PDB file of N, CA and C in Angstrom:
ATOM      1  N   UNK A   1     132.466  94.011  87.413  1.00  0.00           N
ATOM      2  CA  UNK A   1     131.504  93.152  88.059  1.00  0.00           C
ATOM      3  C   UNK A   1     132.230  92.031  88.790  1.00  0.00           C
ATOM      4  N   UNK A   2     133.365  91.605  88.269  1.00  0.00           N
ATOM      5  CA  UNK A   2     134.133  90.570  88.957  1.00  0.00           C
ATOM      6  C   UNK A   2     134.651  91.106  90.278  1.00  0.00           C
ATOM      7  N   UNK A   3     134.516  90.321  91.286  1.00  0.00           N
ATOM      8  CA  UNK A   3     135.032  90.693  92.589  1.00  0.00           C
ATOM      9  C   UNK A   3     134.066  91.506  93.433  1.00  0.00           C
ATOM     10  N   UNK A   4     132.913  91.844  92.906  1.00  0.00           N
ATOM     11  CA  UNK A   4     131.937  92.590  93.697  1.00  0.00           C
ATOM     12  C   UNK A   4     131.264  91.664  94.694  1.00  0.00           C
ATOM     13  N   UNK A   5     131.040  92.172  95.866  1.00  0.00           N
ATOM     14  CA  UNK A   5     130.267  91.425  96.846  1.00  0.00           C
ATOM     15  C   UNK A   5     128.778  91.603  96.560  1.00  0.00           C
ATOM     16  N   UNK A   6     127.985  91.100  97.472  1.00  0.00           N
ATOM     17  CA  UNK A   6     126.536  91.212  97.292  1.00  0.00           C
ATOM     18  C   UNK A   6     126.076  92.671  97.294  1.00  0.00           C
ATOM     19  N   UNK A   7     126.607  93.439  98.212  1.00  0.00           N
ATOM     20  CA  UNK A   7     126.194  94.840  98.296  1.00  0.00           C
ATOM     21  C   UNK A   7     126.722  95.649  97.116  1.00  0.00           C
ATOM     22  N   UNK A   8     127.929  95.367  96.676  1.00  0.00           N
ATOM     23  CA  UNK A   8     128.476  96.067  95.518  1.00  0.00           C
ATOM     24  C   UNK A   8     127.678  95.783  94.267  1.00  0.00           C
ATOM     25  N   UNK A   9     127.296  94.516  94.077  1.00  0.00           N
ATOM     26  CA  UNK A   9     126.468  94.160  92.925  1.00  0.00           C
ATOM     27  C   UNK A   9     125.099  94.818  93.025  1.00  0.00           C
ATOM     28  N   UNK A  10     124.581  94.894  94.231  1.00  0.00           N
ATOM     29  CA  UNK A  10     123.272  95.512  94.420  1.00  0.00           C
ATOM     30  C   UNK A  10     123.314  96.996  94.066  1.00  0.00           C
ATOM     31  N   UNK A  11     124.327  97.708  94.560  1.00  0.00           N
ATOM     32  CA  UNK A  11     124.395  99.147  94.333  1.00  0.00           C
ATOM     33  C   UNK A  11     124.896  99.524  92.948  1.00  0.00           C
ATOM     34  N   UNK A  12     125.666  98.668  92.298  1.00  0.00           N
ATOM     35  CA  UNK A  12     126.233  99.012  90.993  1.00  0.00           C
ATOM     36  C   UNK A  12     125.523  98.365  89.818  1.00  0.00           C
ATOM     37  N   UNK A  13     124.713  97.337  90.071  1.00  0.00           N
ATOM     38  CA  UNK A  13     124.031  96.657  88.968  1.00  0.00           C
ATOM     39  C   UNK A  13     122.519  96.735  89.124  1.00  0.00           C
ATOM     40  N   UNK A  14     122.023  96.312  90.273  1.00  0.00           N
ATOM     41  CA  UNK A  14     120.573  96.181  90.455  1.00  0.00           C
ATOM     42  C   UNK A  14     119.891  97.547  90.547  1.00  0.00           C
ATOM     43  N   UNK A  15     120.360  98.412  91.423  1.00  0.00           N
ATOM     44  CA  UNK A  15     119.700  99.712  91.600  1.00  0.00           C
ATOM     45  C   UNK A  15     119.713 100.586  90.350  1.00  0.00           C
ATOM     46  N   UNK A  16     120.831 100.702  89.615  1.00  0.00           N
ATOM     47  CA  UNK A  16     120.770 101.513  88.390  1.00  0.00           C
ATOM     48  C   UNK A  16     119.797 100.971  87.347  1.00  0.00           C
ATOM     49  N   UNK A  17     119.604  99.667  87.312  1.00  0.00           N
ATOM     50  CA  UNK A  17     118.672  99.084  86.350  1.00  0.00           C
ATOM     51  C   UNK A  17     117.229  99.100  86.841  1.00  0.00           C
ATOM     52  N   UNK A  18     117.007  99.488  88.077  1.00  0.00           N
ATOM     53  CA  UNK A  18     115.660  99.504  88.642  1.00  0.00           C
ATOM     54  C   UNK A  18     115.052 100.900  88.683  1.00  0.00           C
ATOM     55  N   UNK A  19     115.685 101.866  88.070  1.00  0.00           N
ATOM     56  CA  UNK A  19     115.187 103.239  88.118  1.00  0.00           C
ATOM     57  C   UNK A  19     113.796 103.399  87.540  1.00  0.00           C
ATOM     58  N   UNK A  20     113.523 102.750  86.421  1.00  0.00           N
ATOM     59  CA  UNK A  20     112.199 102.862  85.802  1.00  0.00           C
ATOM     60  C   UNK A  20     111.123 102.236  86.686  1.00  0.00           C
ATOM     61  N   UNK A  21     111.460 101.141  87.339  1.00  0.00           N
ATOM     62  CA  UNK A  21     110.506 100.494  88.239  1.00  0.00           C
ATOM     63  C   UNK A  21     110.153 101.419  89.396  1.00  0.00           C
ATOM     64  N   UNK A  22     111.168 102.008  90.023  1.00  0.00           N
ATOM     65  CA  UNK A  22     110.911 102.901  91.146  1.00  0.00           C
ATOM     66  C   UNK A  22     110.153 104.153  90.708  1.00  0.00           C
ATOM     67  N   UNK A  23     110.434 104.663  89.530  1.00  0.00           N
ATOM     68  CA  UNK A  23     109.705 105.826  89.020  1.00  0.00           C
ATOM     69  C   UNK A  23     108.240 105.480  88.771  1.00  0.00           C
ATOM     70  N   UNK A  24     107.986 104.313  88.193  1.00  0.00           N
ATOM     71  CA  UNK A  24     106.603 103.896  87.939  1.00  0.00           C
ATOM     72  C   UNK A  24     105.845 103.701  89.244  1.00  0.00           C
ATOM     73  N   UNK A  25     106.472 103.070  90.221  1.00  0.00           N
ATOM     74  CA  UNK A  25     105.826 102.874  91.518  1.00  0.00           C
ATOM     75  C   UNK A  25     105.561 104.218  92.194  1.00  0.00           C
ATOM     76  N   UNK A  26     106.491 105.155  92.084  1.00  0.00           N
ATOM     77  CA  UNK A  26     106.295 106.476  92.690  1.00  0.00           C
ATOM     78  C   UNK A  26     105.121 107.206  92.049  1.00  0.00           C
ATOM     79  N   UNK A  27     105.027 107.170  90.723  1.00  0.00           N
ATOM     80  CA  UNK A  27     103.924 107.846  90.028  1.00  0.00           C
ATOM     81  C   UNK A  27     102.592 107.195  90.377  1.00  0.00           C
ATOM     82  N   UNK A  28     102.526 105.878  90.336  1.00  0.00           N
ATOM     83  CA  UNK A  28     101.270 105.171  90.625  1.00  0.00           C
ATOM     84  C   UNK A  28     100.834 105.399  92.066  1.00  0.00           C
ATOM     85  N   UNK A  29     101.762 105.322  93.013  1.00  0.00           N
ATOM     86  CA  UNK A  29     101.425 105.528  94.419  1.00  0.00           C
ATOM     87  C   UNK A  29     100.968 106.958  94.681  1.00  0.00           C
ATOM     88  N   UNK A  30     101.651 107.927  94.084  1.00  0.00           N
ATOM     89  CA  UNK A  30     101.262 109.323  94.282  1.00  0.00           C
ATOM     90  C   UNK A  30      99.878 109.589  93.709  1.00  0.00           C
ATOM     91  N   UNK A  31      99.610 109.090  92.516  1.00  0.00           N
ATOM     92  CA  UNK A  31      98.297 109.311  91.905  1.00  0.00           C
ATOM     93  C   UNK A  31      97.204 108.624  92.710  1.00  0.00           C
ATOM     94  N   UNK A  32      97.459 107.409  93.184  1.00  0.00           N
ATOM     95  CA  UNK A  32      96.450 106.692  93.966  1.00  0.00           C
ATOM     96  C   UNK A  32      96.156 107.408  95.284  1.00  0.00           C
ATOM     97  N   UNK A  33      97.182 107.890  95.958  1.00  0.00           N
ATOM     98  CA  UNK A  33      96.940 108.583  97.224  1.00  0.00           C
ATOM     99  C   UNK A  33      96.337 109.968  97.003  1.00  0.00           C
ATOM    100  N   UNK A  34      96.694 110.626  95.914  1.00  0.00           N
ATOM    101  CA  UNK A  34      96.140 111.945  95.614  1.00  0.00           C
ATOM    102  C   UNK A  34      94.658 111.838  95.267  1.00  0.00           C
ATOM    103  N   UNK A  35      94.262 110.780  94.595  1.00  0.00           N
ATOM    104  CA  UNK A  35      92.879 110.619  94.170  1.00  0.00           C
ATOM    105  C   UNK A  35      92.008 109.913  95.200  1.00  0.00           C
ATOM    106  N   UNK A  36      92.519 109.692  96.387  1.00  0.00           N
ATOM    107  CA  UNK A  36      91.726 109.042  97.428  1.00  0.00           C
ATOM    108  C   UNK A  36      90.494 109.901  97.726  1.00  0.00           C
ATOM    109  N   UNK A  37      89.342 109.276  97.718  1.00  0.00           N
ATOM    110  CA  UNK A  37      88.104 110.028  97.925  1.00  0.00           C
ATOM    111  C   UNK A  37      87.280 109.472  99.083  1.00  0.00           C
ATOM    112  N   UNK A  38      87.040 108.172  99.090  1.00  0.00           N
ATOM    113  CA  UNK A  38      86.091 107.597 100.041  1.00  0.00           C
ATOM    114  C   UNK A  38      86.580 107.686 101.486  1.00  0.00           C
ATOM    115  N   UNK A  39      87.818 107.289 101.747  1.00  0.00           N
ATOM    116  CA  UNK A  39      88.320 107.321 103.117  1.00  0.00           C
ATOM    117  C   UNK A  39      88.379 108.745 103.672  1.00  0.00           C
ATOM    118  N   UNK A  40      88.904 109.725 102.953  1.00  0.00           N
ATOM    119  CA  UNK A  40      88.858 111.097 103.494  1.00  0.00           C
ATOM    120  C   UNK A  40      87.431 111.620 103.664  1.00  0.00           C
ATOM    121  N   UNK A  41      86.512 111.166 102.829  1.00  0.00           N
ATOM    122  CA  UNK A  41      85.121 111.589 102.972  1.00  0.00           C
ATOM    123  C   UNK A  41      84.516 111.022 104.248  1.00  0.00           C
ATOM    124  N   UNK A  42      84.860 109.775 104.573  1.00  0.00           N
ATOM    125  CA  UNK A  42      84.305 109.132 105.761  1.00  0.00           C
ATOM    126  C   UNK A  42      84.866 109.745 107.042  1.00  0.00           C
ATOM    127  N   UNK A  43      86.174 109.964 107.093  1.00  0.00           N
ATOM    128  CA  UNK A  43      86.781 110.431 108.343  1.00  0.00           C
ATOM    129  C   UNK A  43      86.881 111.949 108.440  1.00  0.00           C
ATOM    130  N   UNK A  44      86.705 112.660 107.352  1.00  0.00           N
ATOM    131  CA  UNK A  44      86.858 114.117 107.372  1.00  0.00           C
ATOM    132  C   UNK A  44      85.589 114.817 107.799  1.00  0.00           C
ATOM    133  N   UNK A  45      85.457 115.073 109.085  1.00  0.00           N
ATOM    134  CA  UNK A  45      84.261 115.740 109.591  1.00  0.00           C
ATOM    135  C   UNK A  45      84.334 117.255 109.411  1.00  0.00           C
ATOM    136  N   UNK A  46      85.515 117.791 109.529  1.00  0.00           N
ATOM    137  CA  UNK A  46      85.702 119.237 109.444  1.00  0.00           C
ATOM    138  C   UNK A  46      86.077 119.611 108.016  1.00  0.00           C
ATOM    139  N   UNK A  47      85.419 120.611 107.460  1.00  0.00           N
ATOM    140  CA  UNK A  47      85.678 120.978 106.064  1.00  0.00           C
ATOM    141  C   UNK A  47      87.070 121.569 105.857  1.00  0.00           C
ATOM    142  N   UNK A  48      87.722 122.032 106.907  1.00  0.00           N
ATOM    143  CA  UNK A  48      89.083 122.563 106.750  1.00  0.00           C
ATOM    144  C   UNK A  48      90.113 121.453 106.576  1.00  0.00           C
ATOM    145  N   UNK A  49      89.735 120.212 106.842  1.00  0.00           N
ATOM    146  CA  UNK A  49      90.664 119.087 106.721  1.00  0.00           C
ATOM    147  C   UNK A  49      90.329 118.167 105.552  1.00  0.00           C
ATOM    148  N   UNK A  50      89.458 118.599 104.662  1.00  0.00           N
ATOM    149  CA  UNK A  50      89.109 117.790 103.496  1.00  0.00           C
ATOM    150  C   UNK A  50      90.257 117.752 102.502  1.00  0.00           C
ATOM    151  N   UNK A  51      90.310 116.681 101.745  1.00  0.00           N
ATOM    152  CA  UNK A  51      91.261 116.618 100.640  1.00  0.00           C
ATOM    153  C   UNK A  51      90.681 117.379  99.450  1.00  0.00           C
ATOM    154  N   UNK A  52      91.487 117.537  98.429  1.00  0.00           N
ATOM    155  CA  UNK A  52      91.062 118.309  97.256  1.00  0.00           C
ATOM    156  C   UNK A  52      89.859 117.650  96.586  1.00  0.00           C
ATOM    157  N   UNK A  53      89.860 116.329  96.486  1.00  0.00           N
ATOM    158  CA  UNK A  53      88.785 115.644  95.786  1.00  0.00           C
ATOM    159  C   UNK A  53      87.461 115.743  96.543  1.00  0.00           C
ATOM    160  N   UNK A  54      87.507 115.673  97.857  1.00  0.00           N
ATOM    161  CA  UNK A  54      86.278 115.825  98.642  1.00  0.00           C
ATOM    162  C   UNK A  54      85.756 117.254  98.513  1.00  0.00           C
ATOM    163  N   UNK A  55      86.646 118.219  98.521  1.00  0.00           N
ATOM    164  CA  UNK A  55      86.223 119.612  98.344  1.00  0.00           C
ATOM    165  C   UNK A  55      85.642 119.832  96.951  1.00  0.00           C
ATOM    166  N   UNK A  56      86.208 119.165  95.939  1.00  0.00           N
ATOM    167  CA  UNK A  56      85.651 119.283  94.585  1.00  0.00           C
ATOM    168  C   UNK A  56      84.235 118.727  94.509  1.00  0.00           C
ATOM    169  N   UNK A  57      83.961 117.690  95.275  1.00  0.00           N
ATOM    170  CA  UNK A  57      82.616 117.107  95.228  1.00  0.00           C
ATOM    171  C   UNK A  57      81.568 118.056  95.789  1.00  0.00           C
ATOM    172  N   UNK A  58      81.976 118.996  96.640  1.00  0.00           N
ATOM    173  CA  UNK A  58      81.003 119.952  97.170  1.00  0.00           C
ATOM    174  C   UNK A  58      80.532 120.926  96.102  1.00  0.00           C
ATOM    175  N   UNK A  59      81.335 121.126  95.048  1.00  0.00           N
ATOM    176  CA  UNK A  59      80.886 121.974  93.946  1.00  0.00           C
ATOM    177  C   UNK A  59      79.683 121.350  93.242  1.00  0.00           C
ATOM    178  N   UNK A  60      79.640 120.025  93.197  1.00  0.00           N
ATOM    179  CA  UNK A  60      78.549 119.349  92.498  1.00  0.00           C
ATOM    180  C   UNK A  60      77.307 119.178  93.359  1.00  0.00           C
ATOM    181  N   UNK A  61      77.456 119.260  94.676  1.00  0.00           N
ATOM    182  CA  UNK A  61      76.300 119.072  95.550  1.00  0.00           C
ATOM    183  C   UNK A  61      75.677 120.389  95.995  1.00  0.00           C
ATOM    184  N   UNK A  62      76.173 121.497  95.517  1.00  0.00           N
ATOM    185  CA  UNK A  62      75.627 122.805  95.889  1.00  0.00           C
ATOM    186  C   UNK A  62      74.292 123.032  95.173  1.00  0.00           C
ATOM    187  N   UNK A  63      73.563 124.045  95.612  1.00  0.00           N
ATOM    188  CA  UNK A  63      72.279 124.368  94.998  1.00  0.00           C
ATOM    189  C   UNK A  63      72.457 124.793  93.550  1.00  0.00           C
ATOM    190  N   UNK A  64      73.426 125.645  93.313  1.00  0.00           N
ATOM    191  CA  UNK A  64      73.736 126.064  91.947  1.00  0.00           C
ATOM    192  C   UNK A  64      75.143 125.586  91.619  1.00  0.00           C
ATOM    193  N   UNK A  65      75.299 125.084  90.421  1.00  0.00           N
ATOM    194  CA  UNK A  65      76.599 124.574  89.997  1.00  0.00           C
ATOM    195  C   UNK A  65      77.259 125.617  89.113  1.00  0.00           C
ATOM    196  N   UNK A  66      78.354 126.158  89.589  1.00  0.00           N
ATOM    197  CA  UNK A  66      79.143 127.101  88.805  1.00  0.00           C
ATOM    198  C   UNK A  66      80.230 126.308  88.094  1.00  0.00           C
ATOM    199  N   UNK A  67      80.020 126.070  86.818  1.00  0.00           N
ATOM    200  CA  UNK A  67      80.956 125.224  86.089  1.00  0.00           C
ATOM    201  C   UNK A  67      82.328 125.848  85.964  1.00  0.00           C
ATOM    202  N   UNK A  68      82.400 127.169  85.842  1.00  0.00           N
ATOM    203  CA  UNK A  68      83.714 127.793  85.712  1.00  0.00           C
ATOM    204  C   UNK A  68      84.541 127.607  86.982  1.00  0.00           C
ATOM    205  N   UNK A  69      83.915 127.661  88.155  1.00  0.00           N
ATOM    206  CA  UNK A  69      84.640 127.410  89.402  1.00  0.00           C
ATOM    207  C   UNK A  69      85.035 125.945  89.521  1.00  0.00           C
ATOM    208  N   UNK A  70      84.151 125.058  89.103  1.00  0.00           N
ATOM    209  CA  UNK A  70      84.439 123.627  89.162  1.00  0.00           C
ATOM    210  C   UNK A  70      85.598 123.263  88.249  1.00  0.00           C
ATOM    211  N   UNK A  71      85.599 123.780  87.035  1.00  0.00           N
ATOM    212  CA  UNK A  71      86.678 123.464  86.093  1.00  0.00           C
ATOM    213  C   UNK A  71      88.004 124.076  86.542  1.00  0.00           C
ATOM    214  N   UNK A  72      87.962 125.270  87.119  1.00  0.00           N
ATOM    215  CA  UNK A  72      89.185 125.877  87.634  1.00  0.00           C
ATOM    216  C   UNK A  72      89.745 125.059  88.798  1.00  0.00           C
ATOM    217  N   UNK A  73      88.891 124.642  89.701  1.00  0.00           N
ATOM    218  CA  UNK A  73      89.346 123.833  90.834  1.00  0.00           C
ATOM    219  C   UNK A  73      89.876 122.480  90.368  1.00  0.00           C
ATOM    220  N   UNK A  74      89.245 121.894  89.359  1.00  0.00           N
ATOM    221  CA  UNK A  74      89.737 120.620  88.824  1.00  0.00           C
ATOM    222  C   UNK A  74      91.097 120.792  88.166  1.00  0.00           C
ATOM    223  N   UNK A  75      91.283 121.881  87.443  1.00  0.00           N
ATOM    224  CA  UNK A  75      92.582 122.132  86.802  1.00  0.00           C
ATOM    225  C   UNK A  75      93.672 122.353  87.843  1.00  0.00           C
ATOM    226  N   UNK A  76      93.351 123.066  88.908  1.00  0.00           N
ATOM    227  CA  UNK A  76      94.334 123.292  89.971  1.00  0.00           C
ATOM    228  C   UNK A  76      94.653 121.990  90.690  1.00  0.00           C
ATOM    229  N   UNK A  77      93.661 121.118  90.865  1.00  0.00           N
ATOM    230  CA  UNK A  77      93.909 119.856  91.561  1.00  0.00           C
ATOM    231  C   UNK A  77      94.730 118.884  90.722  1.00  0.00           C
ATOM    232  N   UNK A  78      94.738 119.050  89.418  1.00  0.00           N
ATOM    233  CA  UNK A  78      95.510 118.169  88.540  1.00  0.00           C
ATOM    234  C   UNK A  78      96.963 118.628  88.426  1.00  0.00           C
ATOM    235  N   UNK A  79      97.240 119.878  88.718  1.00  0.00           N
ATOM    236  CA  UNK A  79      98.587 120.437  88.545  1.00  0.00           C
ATOM    237  C   UNK A  79      99.683 119.652  89.273  1.00  0.00           C
ATOM    238  N   UNK A  80      99.510 119.242  90.536  1.00  0.00           N
ATOM    239  CA  UNK A  80     100.581 118.455  91.174  1.00  0.00           C
ATOM    240  C   UNK A  80     100.829 117.115  90.487  1.00  0.00           C
ATOM    241  N   UNK A  81      99.782 116.486  89.977  1.00  0.00           N
ATOM    242  CA  UNK A  81      99.962 115.222  89.263  1.00  0.00           C
ATOM    243  C   UNK A  81     100.789 115.419  88.004  1.00  0.00           C
ATOM    244  N   UNK A  82     100.517 116.492  87.296  1.00  0.00           N
ATOM    245  CA  UNK A  82     101.268 116.780  86.068  1.00  0.00           C
ATOM    246  C   UNK A  82     102.726 117.070  86.398  1.00  0.00           C
ATOM    247  N   UNK A  83     102.973 117.796  87.470  1.00  0.00           N
ATOM    248  CA  UNK A  83     104.346 118.113  87.857  1.00  0.00           C
ATOM    249  C   UNK A  83     105.126 116.868  88.267  1.00  0.00           C
ATOM    250  N   UNK A  84     104.502 115.982  89.031  1.00  0.00           N
ATOM    251  CA  UNK A  84     105.186 114.743  89.429  1.00  0.00           C
ATOM    252  C   UNK A  84     105.477 113.888  88.212  1.00  0.00           C
ATOM    253  N   UNK A  85     104.506 113.762  87.315  1.00  0.00           N
ATOM    254  CA  UNK A  85     104.740 112.967  86.117  1.00  0.00           C
ATOM    255  C   UNK A  85     105.810 113.601  85.237  1.00  0.00           C
ATOM    256  N   UNK A  86     105.798 114.922  85.104  1.00  0.00           N
ATOM    257  CA  UNK A  86     106.806 115.592  84.279  1.00  0.00           C
ATOM    258  C   UNK A  86     108.204 115.396  84.852  1.00  0.00           C
ATOM    259  N   UNK A  87     108.315 115.370  86.172  1.00  0.00           N
ATOM    260  CA  UNK A  87     109.615 115.157  86.797  1.00  0.00           C
ATOM    261  C   UNK A  87     110.105 113.724  86.610  1.00  0.00           C
ATOM    262  N   UNK A  88     109.209 112.746  86.689  1.00  0.00           N
ATOM    263  CA  UNK A  88     109.613 111.341  86.635  1.00  0.00           C
ATOM    264  C   UNK A  88     109.496 110.712  85.256  1.00  0.00           C
ATOM    265  N   UNK A  89     108.981 111.424  84.270  1.00  0.00           N
ATOM    266  CA  UNK A  89     108.739 110.809  82.970  1.00  0.00           C
ATOM    267  C   UNK A  89     110.017 110.436  82.245  1.00  0.00           C
ATOM    268  N   UNK A  90     111.114 111.134  82.501  1.00  0.00           N
ATOM    269  CA  UNK A  90     112.365 110.755  81.828  1.00  0.00           C
ATOM    270  C   UNK A  90     112.841 109.387  82.294  1.00  0.00           C
ATOM    271  N   UNK A  91     112.604 109.047  83.566  1.00  0.00           N
ATOM    272  CA  UNK A  91     112.974 107.724  84.056  1.00  0.00           C
ATOM    273  C   UNK A  91     112.071 106.650  83.461  1.00  0.00           C
ATOM    274  N   UNK A  92     110.800 106.978  83.297  1.00  0.00           N
ATOM    275  CA  UNK A  92     109.874 106.018  82.698  1.00  0.00           C
ATOM    276  C   UNK A  92     110.225 105.753  81.244  1.00  0.00           C
ATOM    277  N   UNK A  93     110.510 106.800  80.496  1.00  0.00           N
ATOM    278  CA  UNK A  93     110.871 106.648  79.085  1.00  0.00           C
ATOM    279  C   UNK A  93     112.199 105.922  78.956  1.00  0.00           C
ATOM    280  N   UNK A  94     113.141 106.227  79.817  1.00  0.00           N
ATOM    281  CA  UNK A  94     114.439 105.556  79.788  1.00  0.00           C
ATOM    282  C   UNK A  94     114.280 104.065  80.065  1.00  0.00           C
ATOM    283  N   UNK A  95     113.420 103.704  80.985  1.00  0.00           N
ATOM    284  CA  UNK A  95     113.190 102.292  81.281  1.00  0.00           C
ATOM    285  C   UNK A  95     112.552 101.561  80.125  1.00  0.00           C
ATOM    286  N   UNK A  96     111.628 102.202  79.438  1.00  0.00           N
ATOM    287  CA  UNK A  96     110.995 101.582  78.276  1.00  0.00           C
ATOM    288  C   UNK A  96     111.997 101.448  77.141  1.00  0.00           C
ATOM    289  N   UNK A  97     112.847 102.443  76.956  1.00  0.00           N
ATOM    290  CA  UNK A  97     113.833 102.402  75.879  1.00  0.00           C
ATOM    291  C   UNK A  97     114.901 101.342  76.128  1.00  0.00           C
ATOM    292  N   UNK A  98     115.226 101.087  77.387  1.00  0.00           N
ATOM    293  CA  UNK A  98     116.274 100.123  77.701  1.00  0.00           C
ATOM    294  C   UNK A  98     115.789  98.685  77.736  1.00  0.00           C
ATOM    295  N   UNK A  99     114.491  98.456  77.663  1.00  0.00           N
ATOM    296  CA  UNK A  99     114.007  97.078  77.748  1.00  0.00           C
ATOM    297  C   UNK A  99     114.370  96.270  76.517  1.00  0.00           C
ATOM    298  N   UNK A 100     114.593  96.909  75.397  1.00  0.00           N
ATOM    299  CA  UNK A 100     114.925  96.178  74.177  1.00  0.00           C
ATOM    300  C   UNK A 100     116.415  96.000  73.958  1.00  0.00           C
ATOM    301  N   UNK A 101     117.242  96.510  74.860  1.00  0.00           N
ATOM    302  CA  UNK A 101     118.694  96.422  74.691  1.00  0.00           C
ATOM    303  C   UNK A 101     119.175  95.054  75.151  1.00  0.00           C
ATOM    304  N   UNK A 102     119.935  94.401  74.308  1.00  0.00           N
ATOM    305  CA  UNK A 102     120.530  93.112  74.661  1.00  0.00           C
ATOM    306  C   UNK A 102     122.037  93.263  74.639  1.00  0.00           C
ATOM    307  N   UNK A 103     122.691  92.432  75.380  1.00  0.00           N
ATOM    308  CA  UNK A 103     124.139  92.474  75.285  1.00  0.00           C
ATOM    309  C   UNK A 103     124.762  92.336  76.549  1.00  0.00           C
TER     310      UNK A 103
END
């Protein structure tokens, strides 16, 4: 650490300790953008350009509600969220585990 400039300290000290923060921000941002409903509903005039959540809402507004199709579509729409969280969860757990380390 002695003799490091500002950029060296940033790349060797700050960024390695900020991994959990960046992982948390990535997960929260991805989930928030994936679950966007109102804005795509307002601007999405064509059904071929709807997001997954807007398309899921059409299952509930149909004349007959097929629950098996609705639950299957909901499970498929959750799969990317689970994959992103599974990929980034080691960084989140590592950040929580390192918060109690002193020294």
